[in-house]
């Protein structure tokens, strides 16, 4: 038995308070919020790094902000467009490797938003490579990440329901 095997578990960092929270252990956790902002039959997307990596606008929730407030701020900062939140959509979670090599886990709360004002040409070039409006089908085709395509499908369904609030859309009785 080695000396380290005889040390109390808390000294080895494997149990007790703070286990897994020590420097360099476990994934770094982030909580972000974003929006699927539409105007008529189009949705605004951002390109990060190059025009080949399209995604939904999102970013970290700042201290004192609610997820909804963060979503509105991030959409405005990254796209140049102001949106009104209509409803929460869904939350996605995923893991990835940071540039430093450390693992990370991100939770993103998405909201359905409608256009209020602004222009996608006013995006922040310090944050994104490009911002633009795309018809729903084209937006789904060019989104880089499958989980964001799922978010877009949910948003598109909810948007269509808002456009055509006919009985039967929410499971009304049939024959």
C-alpha atoms as a PDB file:
ATOM      1  CA  UNK A   1       0.000   0.000   0.000  1.00  0.00           C
ATOM      2  CA  UNK A   2       1.501   3.380  -0.968  1.00  0.00           C
ATOM      3  CA  UNK A   3       1.465   6.482   1.202  1.00  0.00           C
ATOM      4  CA  UNK A   4      -1.184   8.121  -1.000  1.00  0.00           C
ATOM      5  CA  UNK A   5      -3.485   5.139  -0.507  1.00  0.00           C
ATOM      6  CA  UNK A   6      -3.347   5.694   3.261  1.00  0.00           C
ATOM      7  CA  UNK A   7      -4.265   9.397   3.063  1.00  0.00           C
ATOM      8  CA  UNK A   8      -7.820  10.348   3.999  1.00  0.00           C
ATOM      9  CA  UNK A   9     -10.098  10.581   0.983  1.00  0.00           C
ATOM     10  CA  UNK A  10     -10.668  14.332   1.475  1.00  0.00           C
ATOM     11  CA  UNK A  11      -6.934  14.986   1.115  1.00  0.00           C
ATOM     12  CA  UNK A  12      -6.879  13.046  -2.153  1.00  0.00           C
ATOM     13  CA  UNK A  13      -9.762  15.246  -3.399  1.00  0.00           C
ATOM     14  CA  UNK A  14     -12.069  12.318  -4.144  1.00  0.00           C
ATOM     15  CA  UNK A  15     -14.828  12.929  -1.654  1.00  0.00           C
ATOM     16  CA  UNK A  16     -16.120  15.478   0.788  1.00  0.00           C
ATOM     17  CA  UNK A  17     -17.045  19.091   0.169  1.00  0.00           C
ATOM     18  CA  UNK A  18     -15.815  20.592  -3.040  1.00  0.00           C
ATOM     19  CA  UNK A  19     -15.014  17.269  -4.698  1.00  0.00           C
ATOM     20  CA  UNK A  20     -14.829  17.825  -8.438  1.00  0.00           C
ATOM     21  CA  UNK A  21     -14.671  21.600  -8.034  1.00  0.00           C
ATOM     22  CA  UNK A  22     -10.943  21.869  -7.521  1.00  0.00           C
ATOM     23  CA  UNK A  23      -8.816  23.739  -9.975  1.00  0.00           C
ATOM     24  CA  UNK A  24      -8.573  21.899 -13.286  1.00  0.00           C
ATOM     25  CA  UNK A  25     -10.968  19.086 -12.391  1.00  0.00           C
ATOM     26  CA  UNK A  26     -14.160  18.403 -14.272  1.00  0.00           C
ATOM     27  CA  UNK A  27     -15.681  20.477 -17.030  1.00  0.00           C
ATOM     28  CA  UNK A  28     -16.105  24.231 -16.709  1.00  0.00           C
ATOM     29  CA  UNK A  29     -19.828  25.025 -16.711  1.00  0.00           C
ATOM     30  CA  UNK A  30     -21.446  27.875 -18.614  1.00  0.00           C
ATOM     31  CA  UNK A  31     -25.046  29.100 -18.743  1.00  0.00           C
ATOM     32  CA  UNK A  32     -26.067  31.055 -21.835  1.00  0.00           C
ATOM     33  CA  UNK A  33     -29.229  32.315 -23.469  1.00  0.00           C
ATOM     34  CA  UNK A  34     -30.182  33.010 -27.046  1.00  0.00           C
ATOM     35  CA  UNK A  35     -33.019  33.612 -29.407  1.00  0.00           C
ATOM     36  CA  UNK A  36     -34.635  32.496 -32.597  1.00  0.00           C
ATOM     37  CA  UNK A  37     -35.705  35.865 -33.969  1.00  0.00           C
ATOM     38  CA  UNK A  38     -38.038  35.945 -36.938  1.00  0.00           C
ATOM     39  CA  UNK A  39     -39.402  38.597 -39.267  1.00  0.00           C
ATOM     40  CA  UNK A  40     -42.191  37.386 -41.536  1.00  0.00           C
ATOM     41  CA  UNK A  41     -40.812  34.167 -43.073  1.00  0.00           C
ATOM     42  CA  UNK A  42     -37.141  34.728 -42.229  1.00  0.00           C
ATOM     43  CA  UNK A  43     -34.874  34.119 -39.244  1.00  0.00           C
ATOM     44  CA  UNK A  44     -31.644  35.917 -38.328  1.00  0.00           C
ATOM     45  CA  UNK A  45     -28.442  33.855 -37.956  1.00  0.00           C
ATOM     46  CA  UNK A  46     -24.831  34.703 -37.184  1.00  0.00           C
ATOM     47  CA  UNK A  47     -21.580  33.371 -38.600  1.00  0.00           C
ATOM     48  CA  UNK A  48     -18.732  32.870 -36.156  1.00  0.00           C
ATOM     49  CA  UNK A  49     -15.165  32.713 -37.413  1.00  0.00           C
ATOM     50  CA  UNK A  50     -16.130  32.394 -41.064  1.00  0.00           C
ATOM     51  CA  UNK A  51     -19.169  32.364 -43.306  1.00  0.00           C
ATOM     52  CA  UNK A  52     -19.123  28.569 -43.089  1.00  0.00           C
ATOM     53  CA  UNK A  53     -20.131  28.284 -39.406  1.00  0.00           C
ATOM     54  CA  UNK A  54     -23.681  29.603 -39.039  1.00  0.00           C
ATOM     55  CA  UNK A  55     -25.457  29.461 -35.705  1.00  0.00           C
ATOM     56  CA  UNK A  56     -28.186  30.988 -33.576  1.00  0.00           C
ATOM     57  CA  UNK A  57     -27.248  34.105 -31.599  1.00  0.00           C
ATOM     58  CA  UNK A  58     -26.508  33.363 -27.945  1.00  0.00           C
ATOM     59  CA  UNK A  59     -24.157  34.306 -25.151  1.00  0.00           C
ATOM     60  CA  UNK A  60     -23.392  34.092 -21.461  1.00  0.00           C
ATOM     61  CA  UNK A  61     -25.844  35.327 -18.885  1.00  0.00           C
ATOM     62  CA  UNK A  62     -24.291  38.182 -16.934  1.00  0.00           C
ATOM     63  CA  UNK A  63     -24.568  38.587 -13.179  1.00  0.00           C
ATOM     64  CA  UNK A  64     -28.008  39.918 -12.254  1.00  0.00           C
ATOM     65  CA  UNK A  65     -29.547  39.099 -15.648  1.00  0.00           C
ATOM     66  CA  UNK A  66     -32.378  36.699 -16.256  1.00  0.00           C
ATOM     67  CA  UNK A  67     -32.034  34.270 -19.188  1.00  0.00           C
ATOM     68  CA  UNK A  68     -34.670  36.285 -21.100  1.00  0.00           C
ATOM     69  CA  UNK A  69     -32.765  39.549 -20.573  1.00  0.00           C
ATOM     70  CA  UNK A  70     -29.527  37.903 -21.669  1.00  0.00           C
ATOM     71  CA  UNK A  71     -31.192  36.502 -24.789  1.00  0.00           C
ATOM     72  CA  UNK A  72     -32.452  39.941 -25.817  1.00  0.00           C
ATOM     73  CA  UNK A  73     -29.071  41.552 -25.150  1.00  0.00           C
ATOM     74  CA  UNK A  74     -27.079  38.877 -26.959  1.00  0.00           C
ATOM     75  CA  UNK A  75     -29.357  38.881 -30.010  1.00  0.00           C
ATOM     76  CA  UNK A  76     -29.080  42.673 -30.202  1.00  0.00           C
ATOM     77  CA  UNK A  77     -25.283  42.687 -29.747  1.00  0.00           C
ATOM     78  CA  UNK A  78     -24.577  39.877 -32.186  1.00  0.00           C
ATOM     79  CA  UNK A  79     -27.114  40.668 -34.914  1.00  0.00           C
ATOM     80  CA  UNK A  80     -27.812  44.405 -34.681  1.00  0.00           C
ATOM     81  CA  UNK A  81     -31.510  43.538 -34.415  1.00  0.00           C
ATOM     82  CA  UNK A  82     -33.846  44.214 -31.498  1.00  0.00           C
ATOM     83  CA  UNK A  83     -36.368  41.510 -30.688  1.00  0.00           C
ATOM     84  CA  UNK A  84     -39.325  40.990 -28.400  1.00  0.00           C
ATOM     85  CA  UNK A  85     -39.526  37.690 -26.557  1.00  0.00           C
ATOM     86  CA  UNK A  86     -42.759  35.849 -27.248  1.00  0.00           C
ATOM     87  CA  UNK A  87     -42.131  32.659 -25.271  1.00  0.00           C
ATOM     88  CA  UNK A  88     -39.441  30.310 -23.999  1.00  0.00           C
ATOM     89  CA  UNK A  89     -38.583  27.573 -26.518  1.00  0.00           C
ATOM     90  CA  UNK A  90     -36.294  24.955 -25.082  1.00  0.00           C
ATOM     91  CA  UNK A  91     -32.996  24.405 -23.300  1.00  0.00           C
ATOM     92  CA  UNK A  92     -30.117  22.512 -24.860  1.00  0.00           C
ATOM     93  CA  UNK A  93     -26.977  21.225 -23.200  1.00  0.00           C
ATOM     94  CA  UNK A  94     -23.727  20.117 -24.763  1.00  0.00           C
ATOM     95  CA  UNK A  95     -20.101  19.476 -23.940  1.00  0.00           C
ATOM     96  CA  UNK A  96     -17.066  20.663 -25.866  1.00  0.00           C
ATOM     97  CA  UNK A  97     -13.342  21.279 -25.559  1.00  0.00           C
ATOM     98  CA  UNK A  98     -12.178  24.828 -24.829  1.00  0.00           C
ATOM     99  CA  UNK A  99      -9.198  26.261 -26.713  1.00  0.00           C
ATOM    100  CA  UNK A 100      -7.136  25.652 -23.564  1.00  0.00           C
ATOM    101  CA  UNK A 101      -7.985  21.958 -23.828  1.00  0.00           C
ATOM    102  CA  UNK A 102     -10.161  21.981 -20.721  1.00  0.00           C
ATOM    103  CA  UNK A 103     -13.552  20.314 -21.099  1.00  0.00           C
ATOM    104  CA  UNK A 104     -16.620  22.534 -20.844  1.00  0.00           C
ATOM    105  CA  UNK A 105     -20.352  21.992 -20.500  1.00  0.00           C
ATOM    106  CA  UNK A 106     -22.822  24.599 -21.732  1.00  0.00           C
ATOM    107  CA  UNK A 107     -26.527  25.012 -21.024  1.00  0.00           C
ATOM    108  CA  UNK A 108     -28.388  27.376 -23.389  1.00  0.00           C
ATOM    109  CA  UNK A 109     -31.952  28.631 -22.830  1.00  0.00           C
ATOM    110  CA  UNK A 110     -33.582  29.661 -26.124  1.00  0.00           C
ATOM    111  CA  UNK A 111     -36.513  32.014 -26.656  1.00  0.00           C
ATOM    112  CA  UNK A 112     -38.833  32.667 -29.589  1.00  0.00           C
ATOM    113  CA  UNK A 113     -38.517  36.322 -30.568  1.00  0.00           C
ATOM    114  CA  UNK A 114     -40.118  38.601 -33.113  1.00  0.00           C
ATOM    115  CA  UNK A 115     -38.434  41.471 -34.936  1.00  0.00           C
ATOM    116  CA  UNK A 116     -38.895  44.941 -33.432  1.00  0.00           C
ATOM    117  CA  UNK A 117     -36.222  47.107 -35.055  1.00  0.00           C
ATOM    118  CA  UNK A 118     -32.679  47.284 -36.372  1.00  0.00           C
ATOM    119  CA  UNK A 119     -30.656  45.882 -39.224  1.00  0.00           C
ATOM    120  CA  UNK A 120     -28.549  42.755 -39.472  1.00  0.00           C
ATOM    121  CA  UNK A 121     -25.922  44.927 -41.166  1.00  0.00           C
ATOM    122  CA  UNK A 122     -25.384  46.555 -37.729  1.00  0.00           C
ATOM    123  CA  UNK A 123     -23.968  43.384 -36.151  1.00  0.00           C
ATOM    124  CA  UNK A 124     -20.899  43.706 -33.930  1.00  0.00           C
ATOM    125  CA  UNK A 125     -17.846  42.644 -36.001  1.00  0.00           C
ATOM    126  CA  UNK A 126     -15.934  42.146 -32.744  1.00  0.00           C
ATOM    127  CA  UNK A 127     -18.376  39.369 -31.817  1.00  0.00           C
ATOM    128  CA  UNK A 128     -19.374  37.798 -35.130  1.00  0.00           C
ATOM    129  CA  UNK A 129     -18.112  37.421 -38.684  1.00  0.00           C
ATOM    130  CA  UNK A 130     -21.493  38.114 -40.272  1.00  0.00           C
ATOM    131  CA  UNK A 131     -25.224  38.281 -39.532  1.00  0.00           C
ATOM    132  CA  UNK A 132     -28.046  37.771 -41.984  1.00  0.00           C
ATOM    133  CA  UNK A 133     -31.690  36.922 -42.582  1.00  0.00           C
ATOM    134  CA  UNK A 134     -32.563  33.539 -44.079  1.00  0.00           C
ATOM    135  CA  UNK A 135     -35.826  31.837 -45.052  1.00  0.00           C
ATOM    136  CA  UNK A 136     -36.651  29.090 -42.523  1.00  0.00           C
ATOM    137  CA  UNK A 137     -35.729  26.160 -44.827  1.00  0.00           C
ATOM    138  CA  UNK A 138     -32.385  27.712 -45.803  1.00  0.00           C
ATOM    139  CA  UNK A 139     -31.597  28.547 -42.163  1.00  0.00           C
ATOM    140  CA  UNK A 140     -32.148  24.908 -41.222  1.00  0.00           C
ATOM    141  CA  UNK A 141     -29.826  23.791 -44.032  1.00  0.00           C
ATOM    142  CA  UNK A 142     -26.929  26.057 -43.099  1.00  0.00           C
ATOM    143  CA  UNK A 143     -26.981  25.825 -39.298  1.00  0.00           C
ATOM    144  CA  UNK A 144     -23.753  24.109 -38.270  1.00  0.00           C
ATOM    145  CA  UNK A 145     -24.963  22.273 -35.177  1.00  0.00           C
ATOM    146  CA  UNK A 146     -27.681  19.596 -35.078  1.00  0.00           C
ATOM    147  CA  UNK A 147     -28.936  20.718 -31.660  1.00  0.00           C
ATOM    148  CA  UNK A 148     -29.533  24.223 -33.031  1.00  0.00           C
ATOM    149  CA  UNK A 149     -31.385  22.765 -36.023  1.00  0.00           C
ATOM    150  CA  UNK A 150     -33.668  21.063 -33.478  1.00  0.00           C
ATOM    151  CA  UNK A 151     -34.214  24.394 -31.719  1.00  0.00           C
ATOM    152  CA  UNK A 152     -35.026  26.022 -35.075  1.00  0.00           C
ATOM    153  CA  UNK A 153     -37.596  23.294 -35.874  1.00  0.00           C
ATOM    154  CA  UNK A 154     -39.341  23.896 -32.543  1.00  0.00           C
ATOM    155  CA  UNK A 155     -39.296  27.652 -33.172  1.00  0.00           C
ATOM    156  CA  UNK A 156     -40.639  27.273 -36.695  1.00  0.00           C
ATOM    157  CA  UNK A 157     -43.523  25.100 -35.479  1.00  0.00           C
ATOM    158  CA  UNK A 158     -44.412  27.608 -32.750  1.00  0.00           C
ATOM    159  CA  UNK A 159     -44.117  30.517 -35.193  1.00  0.00           C
ATOM    160  CA  UNK A 160     -46.461  28.767 -37.641  1.00  0.00           C
ATOM    161  CA  UNK A 161     -48.953  28.127 -34.810  1.00  0.00           C
ATOM    162  CA  UNK A 162     -48.924  31.845 -34.050  1.00  0.00           C
ATOM    163  CA  UNK A 163     -49.551  32.642 -37.728  1.00  0.00           C
ATOM    164  CA  UNK A 164     -52.462  30.203 -38.022  1.00  0.00           C
ATOM    165  CA  UNK A 165     -54.175  29.905 -34.634  1.00  0.00           C
ATOM    166  CA  UNK A 166     -56.865  27.556 -35.936  1.00  0.00           C
ATOM    167  CA  UNK A 167     -58.550  24.910 -33.804  1.00  0.00           C
ATOM    168  CA  UNK A 168     -56.876  21.549 -34.191  1.00  0.00           C
ATOM    169  CA  UNK A 169     -53.309  22.749 -33.992  1.00  0.00           C
ATOM    170  CA  UNK A 170     -52.992  21.842 -30.323  1.00  0.00           C
ATOM    171  CA  UNK A 171     -54.586  18.403 -30.373  1.00  0.00           C
ATOM    172  CA  UNK A 172     -58.261  19.308 -30.794  1.00  0.00           C
ATOM    173  CA  UNK A 173     -60.769  16.477 -31.113  1.00  0.00           C
ATOM    174  CA  UNK A 174     -60.899  14.618 -34.385  1.00  0.00           C
ATOM    175  CA  UNK A 175     -63.580  12.250 -35.683  1.00  0.00           C
END
